[in-house]
Every structure is written in C-alpha cells, then in structure tokens.
Amino acid sequence: MTISETQKEVLINASKRADGDIYPLPARLKGGSINKVLNALYNKGFIDKDADKIFITDEGEAVLCDGKNPPQKTARKGTKKDVLLDMLTEGTTIESIEKATGWQKHTIRGTMSNLKKQIGIEIVSNKNDGEDRIYSIA
C-alpha cells in the first residue's frame, strides 16, 4: 500500500516516540491538510485513537519497515524502561532489575522480550557455573 511523503513523515515521527503518539505533527501541516492526512492514515489502519491520544498502529509500523528495520524508538528518560535499558547496557541480573524497578520477574522478562519489537534491540544472556544469569544488550 502506498502512502504520501507527508503521511510517511507523520508515521516515522510517531514510530520514534516511546508512546507512539503522532503529535506534534510536522509544522508545515495546517488546517484542512491535517484532517486529510490523519483521515487517510486512520482509514488505512495506520493510526488509531483512544481517549487520550492518536497513535501509530502495528500496521503503521509495518508499512514503514517495507522489509527493512523499523525506525528506532527511544525510551523516555526517568521511566522504569529507561532504568532497565541503562542496566542492560552494563549487564545485570533479574534480581538487580527487580530491586531497581520494583517489577516482578515475569514483568521483567516480558519487557525484555518486547524490547526487540519496540526499540529494535536484542538482549542476550550468559550464565557461568554457580553464578546468576547476566542479561545484556547484544
């Protein structure tokens, strides 16, 4: 499915935001052109809305990939996911992440498995005999 350069720009910007929000829109979009672009993206299923925001969908992310790697998102500073990413950069254990975030083990593992899809990073783990498993960014 083809999209215009303006629609593509809106989707790329949204895909780079941790929450997928489409706002702020490119400055050149004004008035009726905003409605036209957003309606087209909504009708194609590339954006959706809830009570608080309009955000990019998985289909919107997929149309950007076009067989390539998706645009990279960044974690918002100060969030637990940001803390997790900082810890993974140095290498850490599940127990250390539990203490730093207050998350349960299943939440930590689920979040780490989603990081590849959401941010495009891969996490590896290593375990030496008698030591805790160490998780780090590949």
C-alpha atoms as a PDB file:
ATOM      1  CA  MET A   1       0.000   0.000   0.000  1.00  0.00           C
ATOM      2  CA  THR A   2       1.413   3.391  -0.897  1.00  0.00           C
ATOM      3  CA  ILE A   3       1.431   6.432   1.323  1.00  0.00           C
ATOM      4  CA  SER A   4       2.348  10.041   0.625  1.00  0.00           C
ATOM      5  CA  GLU A   5       5.611  11.556   1.824  1.00  0.00           C
ATOM      6  CA  THR A   6       3.681  13.623   4.376  1.00  0.00           C
ATOM      7  CA  GLN A   7       1.860  10.548   5.706  1.00  0.00           C
ATOM      8  CA  LYS A   8       5.187   8.739   5.879  1.00  0.00           C
ATOM      9  CA  GLU A   9       6.746  11.626   7.823  1.00  0.00           C
ATOM     10  CA  VAL A  10       3.890  11.574  10.363  1.00  0.00           C
ATOM     11  CA  LEU A  11       4.296   7.808  10.832  1.00  0.00           C
ATOM     12  CA  ILE A  12       8.099   7.982  11.113  1.00  0.00           C
ATOM     13  CA  ASN A  13       7.900  10.693  13.764  1.00  0.00           C
ATOM     14  CA  ALA A  14       5.288   8.708  15.718  1.00  0.00           C
ATOM     15  CA  SER A  15       7.292   5.488  15.458  1.00  0.00           C
ATOM     16  CA  LYS A  16      10.284   7.183  17.080  1.00  0.00           C
ATOM     17  CA  ARG A  17       8.288   8.220  20.133  1.00  0.00           C
ATOM     18  CA  ALA A  18       8.163   5.763  23.014  1.00  0.00           C
ATOM     19  CA  ASP A  19       4.380   6.092  23.319  1.00  0.00           C
ATOM     20  CA  GLY A  20       3.742   6.133  19.533  1.00  0.00           C
ATOM     21  CA  ASP A  21       1.839   9.449  19.722  1.00  0.00           C
ATOM     22  CA  ILE A  22       1.507  11.226  16.358  1.00  0.00           C
ATOM     23  CA  TYR A  23       1.715  14.680  17.940  1.00  0.00           C
ATOM     24  CA  PRO A  24       3.419  17.042  17.391  1.00  0.00           C
ATOM     25  CA  LEU A  25       2.735  16.963  13.665  1.00  0.00           C
ATOM     26  CA  PRO A  26       5.143  18.428  11.097  1.00  0.00           C
ATOM     27  CA  ALA A  27       4.960  22.249  11.245  1.00  0.00           C
ATOM     28  CA  ARG A  28       4.012  22.573   7.570  1.00  0.00           C
ATOM     29  CA  LEU A  29       0.716  20.723   8.145  1.00  0.00           C
ATOM     30  CA  LYS A  30      -2.017  23.250   8.734  1.00  0.00           C
ATOM     31  CA  GLY A  31      -5.802  23.461   8.652  1.00  0.00           C
ATOM     32  CA  GLY A  32      -7.603  21.077   6.319  1.00  0.00           C
ATOM     33  CA  SER A  33      -4.440  19.243   5.332  1.00  0.00           C
ATOM     34  CA  ILE A  34      -4.163  17.902   8.894  1.00  0.00           C
ATOM     35  CA  ASN A  35      -7.604  16.300   8.660  1.00  0.00           C
ATOM     36  CA  LYS A  36      -6.885  14.927   5.199  1.00  0.00           C
ATOM     37  CA  VAL A  37      -3.608  13.274   6.255  1.00  0.00           C
ATOM     38  CA  LEU A  38      -4.968  11.888   9.535  1.00  0.00           C
ATOM     39  CA  ASN A  39      -8.184  10.585   7.962  1.00  0.00           C
ATOM     40  CA  ALA A  40      -6.204   8.805   5.252  1.00  0.00           C
ATOM     41  CA  LEU A  41      -3.896   7.185   7.837  1.00  0.00           C
ATOM     42  CA  TYR A  42      -6.836   6.221  10.053  1.00  0.00           C
ATOM     43  CA  ASN A  43      -8.822   4.710   7.152  1.00  0.00           C
ATOM     44  CA  LYS A  44      -5.799   2.625   6.143  1.00  0.00           C
ATOM     45  CA  GLY A  45      -5.449   1.382   9.741  1.00  0.00           C
ATOM     46  CA  PHE A  46      -2.030   3.005  10.248  1.00  0.00           C
ATOM     47  CA  ILE A  47      -3.127   5.134  13.192  1.00  0.00           C
ATOM     48  CA  ASP A  48      -5.760   4.662  15.877  1.00  0.00           C
ATOM     49  CA  LYS A  49      -7.098   6.659  18.790  1.00  0.00           C
ATOM     50  CA  ASP A  50      -8.076   6.154  22.371  1.00  0.00           C
ATOM     51  CA  ALA A  51      -9.405   8.569  24.973  1.00  0.00           C
ATOM     52  CA  ASP A  52      -6.062  10.341  25.396  1.00  0.00           C
ATOM     53  CA  LYS A  53      -4.176  10.304  22.112  1.00  0.00           C
ATOM     54  CA  ILE A  54      -3.826   9.298  18.490  1.00  0.00           C
ATOM     55  CA  PHE A  55      -1.043   6.750  17.992  1.00  0.00           C
ATOM     56  CA  ILE A  56       0.656   4.635  15.342  1.00  0.00           C
ATOM     57  CA  THR A  57      -0.578   1.037  14.999  1.00  0.00           C
ATOM     58  CA  ASP A  58       1.395  -2.129  14.267  1.00  0.00           C
ATOM     59  CA  GLU A  59       0.207  -1.819  10.655  1.00  0.00           C
ATOM     60  CA  GLY A  60       1.605   1.710  10.558  1.00  0.00           C
ATOM     61  CA  GLU A  61       4.953   0.423  11.836  1.00  0.00           C
ATOM     62  CA  ALA A  62       4.894  -2.383   9.277  1.00  0.00           C
ATOM     63  CA  VAL A  63       4.274  -0.074   6.309  1.00  0.00           C
ATOM     64  CA  LEU A  64       7.386   1.873   7.315  1.00  0.00           C
ATOM     65  CA  CYS A  65       9.548  -1.239   7.509  1.00  0.00           C
ATOM     66  CA  ASP A  66       8.893  -2.347   3.945  1.00  0.00           C
ATOM     67  CA  GLY A  67      11.237  -5.301   4.530  1.00  0.00           C
ATOM     68  CA  LYS A  68      13.804  -3.186   6.386  1.00  0.00           C
ATOM     69  CA  ASN A  69      14.490  -2.461  10.027  1.00  0.00           C
ATOM     70  CA  PRO A  70      11.874  -0.249  11.711  1.00  0.00           C
ATOM     71  CA  PRO A  71      12.790   3.270  12.844  1.00  0.00           C
ATOM     72  CA  GLN A  72      14.323   3.287  16.307  1.00  0.00           C
ATOM     73  CA  LYS A  73      12.258   4.433  19.272  1.00  0.00           C
ATOM     74  CA  THR A  74      13.823   5.894  22.349  1.00  0.00           C
ATOM     75  CA  ALA A  75      12.754   5.284  25.929  1.00  0.00           C
ATOM     76  CA  ARG A  76      11.517   8.309  27.823  1.00  0.00           C
ATOM     77  CA  LYS A  77      14.019   9.462  30.431  1.00  0.00           C
ATOM     78  CA  GLY A  78      13.254   8.574  34.015  1.00  0.00           C
ATOM     79  CA  THR A  79      10.938   5.648  33.258  1.00  0.00           C
ATOM     80  CA  LYS A  80      11.434   2.135  34.542  1.00  0.00           C
ATOM     81  CA  LYS A  81      12.103   1.012  30.969  1.00  0.00           C
ATOM     82  CA  ASP A  82      14.859   3.634  30.770  1.00  0.00           C
ATOM     83  CA  VAL A  83      16.333   2.270  34.015  1.00  0.00           C
ATOM     84  CA  LEU A  84      16.168  -1.250  32.567  1.00  0.00           C
ATOM     85  CA  LEU A  85      17.936  -0.172  29.371  1.00  0.00           C
ATOM     86  CA  ASP A  86      20.705   1.543  31.358  1.00  0.00           C
ATOM     87  CA  MET A  87      21.204  -1.585  33.454  1.00  0.00           C
ATOM     88  CA  LEU A  88      21.249  -3.834  30.375  1.00  0.00           C
ATOM     89  CA  THR A  89      23.947  -1.677  28.795  1.00  0.00           C
ATOM     90  CA  GLU A  90      26.287  -2.655  31.634  1.00  0.00           C
ATOM     91  CA  GLY A  91      24.946  -6.198  32.104  1.00  0.00           C
ATOM     92  CA  THR A  92      22.692  -7.108  35.008  1.00  0.00           C
ATOM     93  CA  THR A  93      20.734  -9.860  36.737  1.00  0.00           C
ATOM     94  CA  ILE A  94      16.972 -10.269  37.076  1.00  0.00           C
ATOM     95  CA  GLU A  95      17.325  -9.740  40.837  1.00  0.00           C
ATOM     96  CA  SER A  96      19.098  -6.386  40.342  1.00  0.00           C
ATOM     97  CA  ILE A  97      16.391  -5.239  37.933  1.00  0.00           C
ATOM     98  CA  GLU A  98      13.722  -6.304  40.473  1.00  0.00           C
ATOM     99  CA  LYS A  99      15.325  -4.121  43.152  1.00  0.00           C
ATOM    100  CA  ALA A 100      15.769  -1.123  40.836  1.00  0.00           C
ATOM    101  CA  THR A 101      12.289  -1.154  39.269  1.00  0.00           C
ATOM    102  CA  GLY A 102      10.042  -2.935  41.758  1.00  0.00           C
ATOM    103  CA  TRP A 103       8.858  -5.197  38.931  1.00  0.00           C
ATOM    104  CA  GLN A 104       8.203  -8.912  39.329  1.00  0.00           C
ATOM    105  CA  LYS A 105      10.321 -11.408  37.397  1.00  0.00           C
ATOM    106  CA  HIS A 106       7.652 -12.180  34.800  1.00  0.00           C
ATOM    107  CA  THR A 107       7.232  -8.453  34.089  1.00  0.00           C
ATOM    108  CA  ILE A 108      10.979  -8.046  33.609  1.00  0.00           C
ATOM    109  CA  ARG A 109      11.195 -10.986  31.211  1.00  0.00           C
ATOM    110  CA  GLY A 110       8.149  -9.788  29.268  1.00  0.00           C
ATOM    111  CA  THR A 111       9.537  -6.276  28.964  1.00  0.00           C
ATOM    112  CA  MET A 112      12.908  -7.575  27.795  1.00  0.00           C
ATOM    113  CA  SER A 113      11.246  -9.756  25.149  1.00  0.00           C
ATOM    114  CA  ASN A 114       9.283  -6.747  23.888  1.00  0.00           C
ATOM    115  CA  LEU A 115      12.346  -4.517  23.584  1.00  0.00           C
ATOM    116  CA  LYS A 116      13.328  -6.051  20.256  1.00  0.00           C
ATOM    117  CA  LYS A 117       9.931  -5.270  18.742  1.00  0.00           C
ATOM    118  CA  GLN A 118       9.520  -1.863  20.348  1.00  0.00           C
ATOM    119  CA  ILE A 119      13.031  -0.461  20.182  1.00  0.00           C
ATOM    120  CA  GLY A 120      14.877  -2.862  17.898  1.00  0.00           C
ATOM    121  CA  ILE A 121      17.479  -4.125  20.358  1.00  0.00           C
ATOM    122  CA  GLU A 122      18.349  -7.699  21.167  1.00  0.00           C
ATOM    123  CA  ILE A 123      19.117  -8.976  24.642  1.00  0.00           C
ATOM    124  CA  VAL A 124      21.464 -11.877  25.300  1.00  0.00           C
ATOM    125  CA  SER A 125      22.100 -13.809  28.490  1.00  0.00           C
ATOM    126  CA  ASN A 126      25.135 -15.645  29.780  1.00  0.00           C
ATOM    127  CA  LYS A 127      25.489 -17.906  32.794  1.00  0.00           C
ATOM    128  CA  ASN A 128      28.677 -19.294  34.252  1.00  0.00           C
ATOM    129  CA  ASP A 129      28.569 -22.279  36.607  1.00  0.00           C
ATOM    130  CA  GLY A 130      27.457 -21.248  40.086  1.00  0.00           C
ATOM    131  CA  GLU A 131      26.667 -17.650  39.081  1.00  0.00           C
ATOM    132  CA  ASP A 132      23.463 -15.765  38.323  1.00  0.00           C
ATOM    133  CA  ARG A 133      22.419 -15.291  34.716  1.00  0.00           C
ATOM    134  CA  ILE A 134      23.642 -11.950  33.316  1.00  0.00           C
ATOM    135  CA  TYR A 135      21.452 -10.137  30.770  1.00  0.00           C
ATOM    136  CA  SER A 136      22.893  -7.521  28.436  1.00  0.00           C
ATOM    137  CA  ILE A 137      22.294  -5.776  25.128  1.00  0.00           C
ATOM    138  CA  ALA A 138      23.880  -7.696  22.243  1.00  0.00           C
END
